[in-house]
Amino acid sequence: MITVKYRGVLAELTGKLQEQIDAATVNDVMKYVKKTYSAAAYKEAKKLLIVINGDSILLHKGFKTPTSDGDTVSFLPVCGGG
């Protein structure tokens, strides 16, 4: 099992801040969001910064990044500044 944490609009769309699910990859997490919640939640999830154990999935294999028991996948709002 992995922990999935939702923030921002995605937390509102799912009605949850976090939950535990079975998923072998980040793509499996994305499929879970779409199937369990809605296409709108999936669309929002794709816009967010996705991190696994604090590291962006872009530093790994993107949506193909594998997950292991105990991992945490978080969806974080993208913030800008300057």
N, C-alpha and C. Protein backbone atom coordinates (compact mmCIF):
# COMPACT_ATOMS: atom_id res chain seq x y z
N MET A 1 0.84 -1.19 0.00
CA MET A 1 0.00 0.00 0.00
C MET A 1 0.88 1.25 0.00
N ILE A 2 0.39 2.27 -0.69
CA ILE A 2 1.05 3.56 -0.68
C ILE A 2 0.08 4.59 -0.15
N THR A 3 0.61 5.71 0.30
CA THR A 3 -0.22 6.82 0.75
C THR A 3 -0.27 7.84 -0.37
N VAL A 4 -1.46 8.32 -0.68
CA VAL A 4 -1.64 9.37 -1.68
C VAL A 4 -2.17 10.59 -0.96
N LYS A 5 -1.48 11.74 -1.12
CA LYS A 5 -1.88 12.98 -0.48
C LYS A 5 -2.37 13.96 -1.54
N TYR A 6 -3.53 14.55 -1.27
CA TYR A 6 -4.15 15.50 -2.18
C TYR A 6 -4.11 16.89 -1.55
N ARG A 7 -3.82 17.91 -2.36
CA ARG A 7 -3.81 19.29 -1.89
C ARG A 7 -4.56 20.17 -2.89
N GLY A 8 -4.89 21.36 -2.44
CA GLY A 8 -5.53 22.33 -3.32
C GLY A 8 -6.88 21.86 -3.84
N VAL A 9 -7.15 22.20 -5.10
CA VAL A 9 -8.43 21.88 -5.73
C VAL A 9 -8.64 20.36 -5.78
N LEU A 10 -7.57 19.60 -5.93
CA LEU A 10 -7.71 18.14 -5.99
C LEU A 10 -8.27 17.59 -4.68
N ALA A 11 -7.88 18.16 -3.57
CA ALA A 11 -8.45 17.73 -2.27
C ALA A 11 -9.94 18.00 -2.23
N GLU A 12 -10.35 19.12 -2.81
CA GLU A 12 -11.78 19.45 -2.85
C GLU A 12 -12.53 18.49 -3.77
N LEU A 13 -11.94 18.14 -4.90
CA LEU A 13 -12.61 17.24 -5.85
C LEU A 13 -12.71 15.81 -5.33
N THR A 14 -11.72 15.38 -4.56
CA THR A 14 -11.75 14.02 -4.02
C THR A 14 -12.47 13.95 -2.68
N GLY A 15 -12.53 15.09 -1.99
CA GLY A 15 -13.12 15.10 -0.65
C GLY A 15 -12.21 14.50 0.39
N LYS A 16 -10.93 14.36 0.05
CA LYS A 16 -9.97 13.74 0.97
C LYS A 16 -8.65 14.50 0.94
N LEU A 17 -7.94 14.44 2.07
CA LEU A 17 -6.58 14.97 2.11
C LEU A 17 -5.57 13.87 1.82
N GLN A 18 -5.92 12.64 2.20
CA GLN A 18 -5.04 11.51 1.90
C GLN A 18 -5.80 10.21 2.02
N GLU A 19 -5.22 9.18 1.41
CA GLU A 19 -5.79 7.83 1.50
C GLU A 19 -4.69 6.83 1.15
N GLN A 20 -4.94 5.58 1.45
CA GLN A 20 -4.00 4.52 1.10
C GLN A 20 -4.61 3.67 0.01
N ILE A 21 -3.79 3.38 -1.01
CA ILE A 21 -4.25 2.56 -2.13
C ILE A 21 -3.15 1.60 -2.55
N ASP A 22 -3.51 0.64 -3.37
CA ASP A 22 -2.53 -0.24 -4.00
C ASP A 22 -2.25 0.30 -5.39
N ALA A 23 -0.98 0.54 -5.70
CA ALA A 23 -0.60 1.04 -7.02
C ALA A 23 0.86 0.68 -7.26
N ALA A 24 1.15 0.17 -8.44
CA ALA A 24 2.52 -0.23 -8.78
C ALA A 24 3.33 0.90 -9.40
N THR A 25 2.63 1.89 -9.98
CA THR A 25 3.31 3.03 -10.61
C THR A 25 2.49 4.30 -10.37
N VAL A 26 3.10 5.44 -10.67
CA VAL A 26 2.37 6.70 -10.58
C VAL A 26 1.21 6.69 -11.57
N ASN A 27 1.39 6.08 -12.71
CA ASN A 27 0.30 5.98 -13.68
C ASN A 27 -0.89 5.23 -13.09
N ASP A 28 -0.64 4.21 -12.30
CA ASP A 28 -1.73 3.50 -11.63
C ASP A 28 -2.49 4.43 -10.67
N VAL A 29 -1.75 5.32 -10.01
CA VAL A 29 -2.38 6.30 -9.13
C VAL A 29 -3.29 7.22 -9.95
N MET A 30 -2.79 7.66 -11.10
CA MET A 30 -3.58 8.53 -11.97
C MET A 30 -4.86 7.83 -12.44
N LYS A 31 -4.73 6.56 -12.83
CA LYS A 31 -5.91 5.79 -13.26
C LYS A 31 -6.91 5.66 -12.11
N TYR A 32 -6.41 5.45 -10.90
CA TYR A 32 -7.26 5.33 -9.72
C TYR A 32 -8.05 6.63 -9.51
N VAL A 33 -7.36 7.77 -9.62
CA VAL A 33 -8.03 9.06 -9.43
C VAL A 33 -9.15 9.23 -10.45
N LYS A 34 -8.86 8.90 -11.71
CA LYS A 34 -9.87 9.07 -12.76
C LYS A 34 -11.07 8.14 -12.54
N LYS A 35 -10.79 6.89 -12.22
CA LYS A 35 -11.86 5.90 -12.05
C LYS A 35 -12.68 6.15 -10.77
N THR A 36 -12.01 6.50 -9.69
CA THR A 36 -12.67 6.63 -8.40
C THR A 36 -13.38 7.97 -8.23
N TYR A 37 -12.82 9.02 -8.79
CA TYR A 37 -13.38 10.35 -8.58
C TYR A 37 -14.04 10.89 -9.84
N SER A 38 -13.27 11.38 -10.77
CA SER A 38 -13.89 11.92 -11.98
C SER A 38 -12.82 12.31 -12.98
N ALA A 39 -13.28 12.57 -14.20
CA ALA A 39 -12.37 13.07 -15.23
C ALA A 39 -11.84 14.44 -14.83
N ALA A 40 -12.67 15.23 -14.13
CA ALA A 40 -12.23 16.55 -13.68
C ALA A 40 -11.09 16.42 -12.66
N ALA A 41 -11.19 15.46 -11.75
CA ALA A 41 -10.14 15.23 -10.77
C ALA A 41 -8.86 14.79 -11.47
N TYR A 42 -8.99 13.92 -12.45
CA TYR A 42 -7.84 13.44 -13.23
C TYR A 42 -7.17 14.60 -13.96
N LYS A 43 -7.98 15.45 -14.58
CA LYS A 43 -7.46 16.59 -15.32
C LYS A 43 -6.70 17.53 -14.38
N GLU A 44 -7.26 17.77 -13.21
CA GLU A 44 -6.60 18.62 -12.22
C GLU A 44 -5.30 17.98 -11.73
N ALA A 45 -5.33 16.67 -11.49
CA ALA A 45 -4.14 15.96 -11.01
C ALA A 45 -2.98 16.10 -11.99
N LYS A 46 -3.29 16.08 -13.28
CA LYS A 46 -2.24 16.18 -14.31
C LYS A 46 -1.56 17.56 -14.29
N LYS A 47 -2.24 18.58 -13.77
CA LYS A 47 -1.69 19.93 -13.73
C LYS A 47 -0.76 20.15 -12.54
N LEU A 48 -0.86 19.30 -11.53
CA LEU A 48 -0.14 19.51 -10.29
C LEU A 48 1.27 18.93 -10.32
N LEU A 49 2.09 19.40 -9.40
CA LEU A 49 3.42 18.83 -9.20
C LEU A 49 3.22 17.51 -8.47
N ILE A 50 3.70 16.43 -9.05
CA ILE A 50 3.54 15.11 -8.43
C ILE A 50 4.90 14.69 -7.88
N VAL A 51 4.92 14.38 -6.59
CA VAL A 51 6.16 13.95 -5.96
C VAL A 51 5.98 12.60 -5.31
N ILE A 52 7.05 11.84 -5.30
CA ILE A 52 7.05 10.55 -4.63
C ILE A 52 8.16 10.60 -3.58
N ASN A 53 7.75 10.46 -2.34
CA ASN A 53 8.68 10.57 -1.21
C ASN A 53 9.49 11.86 -1.27
N GLY A 54 8.84 12.95 -1.70
CA GLY A 54 9.48 14.26 -1.71
C GLY A 54 10.23 14.62 -2.98
N ASP A 55 10.39 13.68 -3.91
CA ASP A 55 11.09 13.95 -5.17
C ASP A 55 10.10 14.02 -6.32
N SER A 56 10.27 15.01 -7.18
CA SER A 56 9.41 15.12 -8.36
C SER A 56 9.53 13.86 -9.21
N ILE A 57 8.41 13.41 -9.75
CA ILE A 57 8.45 12.23 -10.62
C ILE A 57 9.24 12.54 -11.90
N LEU A 58 9.42 13.82 -12.20
CA LEU A 58 10.20 14.21 -13.38
C LEU A 58 11.68 13.87 -13.21
N LEU A 59 12.12 13.66 -11.96
CA LEU A 59 13.49 13.26 -11.69
C LEU A 59 13.67 11.75 -11.83
N HIS A 60 12.57 11.06 -12.04
CA HIS A 60 12.60 9.60 -12.15
C HIS A 60 12.10 9.21 -13.54
N LYS A 61 11.02 8.47 -13.62
CA LYS A 61 10.49 8.00 -14.90
C LYS A 61 9.12 8.58 -15.21
N GLY A 62 8.85 9.78 -14.70
CA GLY A 62 7.56 10.41 -14.94
C GLY A 62 6.42 9.54 -14.43
N PHE A 63 5.37 9.41 -15.23
CA PHE A 63 4.21 8.61 -14.81
C PHE A 63 4.54 7.13 -14.71
N LYS A 64 5.65 6.71 -15.30
CA LYS A 64 6.06 5.30 -15.22
C LYS A 64 6.87 5.00 -13.96
N THR A 65 7.07 6.01 -13.10
CA THR A 65 7.84 5.82 -11.87
C THR A 65 7.18 4.75 -11.01
N PRO A 66 7.93 3.71 -10.65
CA PRO A 66 7.36 2.66 -9.80
C PRO A 66 7.16 3.12 -8.36
N THR A 67 6.21 2.51 -7.70
CA THR A 67 5.98 2.77 -6.28
C THR A 67 6.21 1.48 -5.51
N SER A 68 6.55 1.64 -4.24
CA SER A 68 6.78 0.50 -3.35
C SER A 68 5.95 0.68 -2.09
N ASP A 69 5.69 -0.42 -1.40
CA ASP A 69 4.95 -0.33 -0.14
C ASP A 69 5.59 0.73 0.76
N GLY A 70 4.74 1.57 1.33
CA GLY A 70 5.22 2.60 2.24
C GLY A 70 5.53 3.94 1.59
N ASP A 71 5.55 3.99 0.25
CA ASP A 71 5.82 5.25 -0.45
C ASP A 71 4.66 6.22 -0.26
N THR A 72 4.97 7.51 -0.43
CA THR A 72 3.96 8.55 -0.41
C THR A 72 4.00 9.31 -1.73
N VAL A 73 2.88 9.35 -2.42
CA VAL A 73 2.73 10.12 -3.64
C VAL A 73 1.86 11.33 -3.28
N SER A 74 2.41 12.52 -3.54
CA SER A 74 1.68 13.75 -3.20
C SER A 74 1.42 14.58 -4.45
N PHE A 75 0.25 15.18 -4.50
CA PHE A 75 -0.13 16.10 -5.56
C PHE A 75 -0.09 17.50 -4.95
N LEU A 76 0.83 18.33 -5.44
CA LEU A 76 1.04 19.64 -4.84
C LEU A 76 0.73 20.75 -5.85
N PRO A 77 0.10 21.83 -5.38
CA PRO A 77 -0.13 22.97 -6.27
C PRO A 77 1.21 23.56 -6.72
N VAL A 78 1.25 24.00 -7.95
CA VAL A 78 2.45 24.64 -8.48
C VAL A 78 2.40 26.11 -8.09
N CYS A 79 3.45 26.58 -7.46
CA CYS A 79 3.51 27.97 -7.02
C CYS A 79 4.61 28.69 -7.77
N GLY A 80 4.37 29.92 -8.07
CA GLY A 80 5.38 30.72 -8.76
C GLY A 80 5.64 31.98 -7.95
N GLY A 81 6.73 32.56 -8.22
CA GLY A 81 7.06 33.79 -7.52
C GLY A 81 8.21 34.47 -8.20
N GLY A 82 8.59 35.55 -7.63
CA GLY A 82 9.72 36.23 -8.24
C GLY A 82 10.08 37.47 -7.52
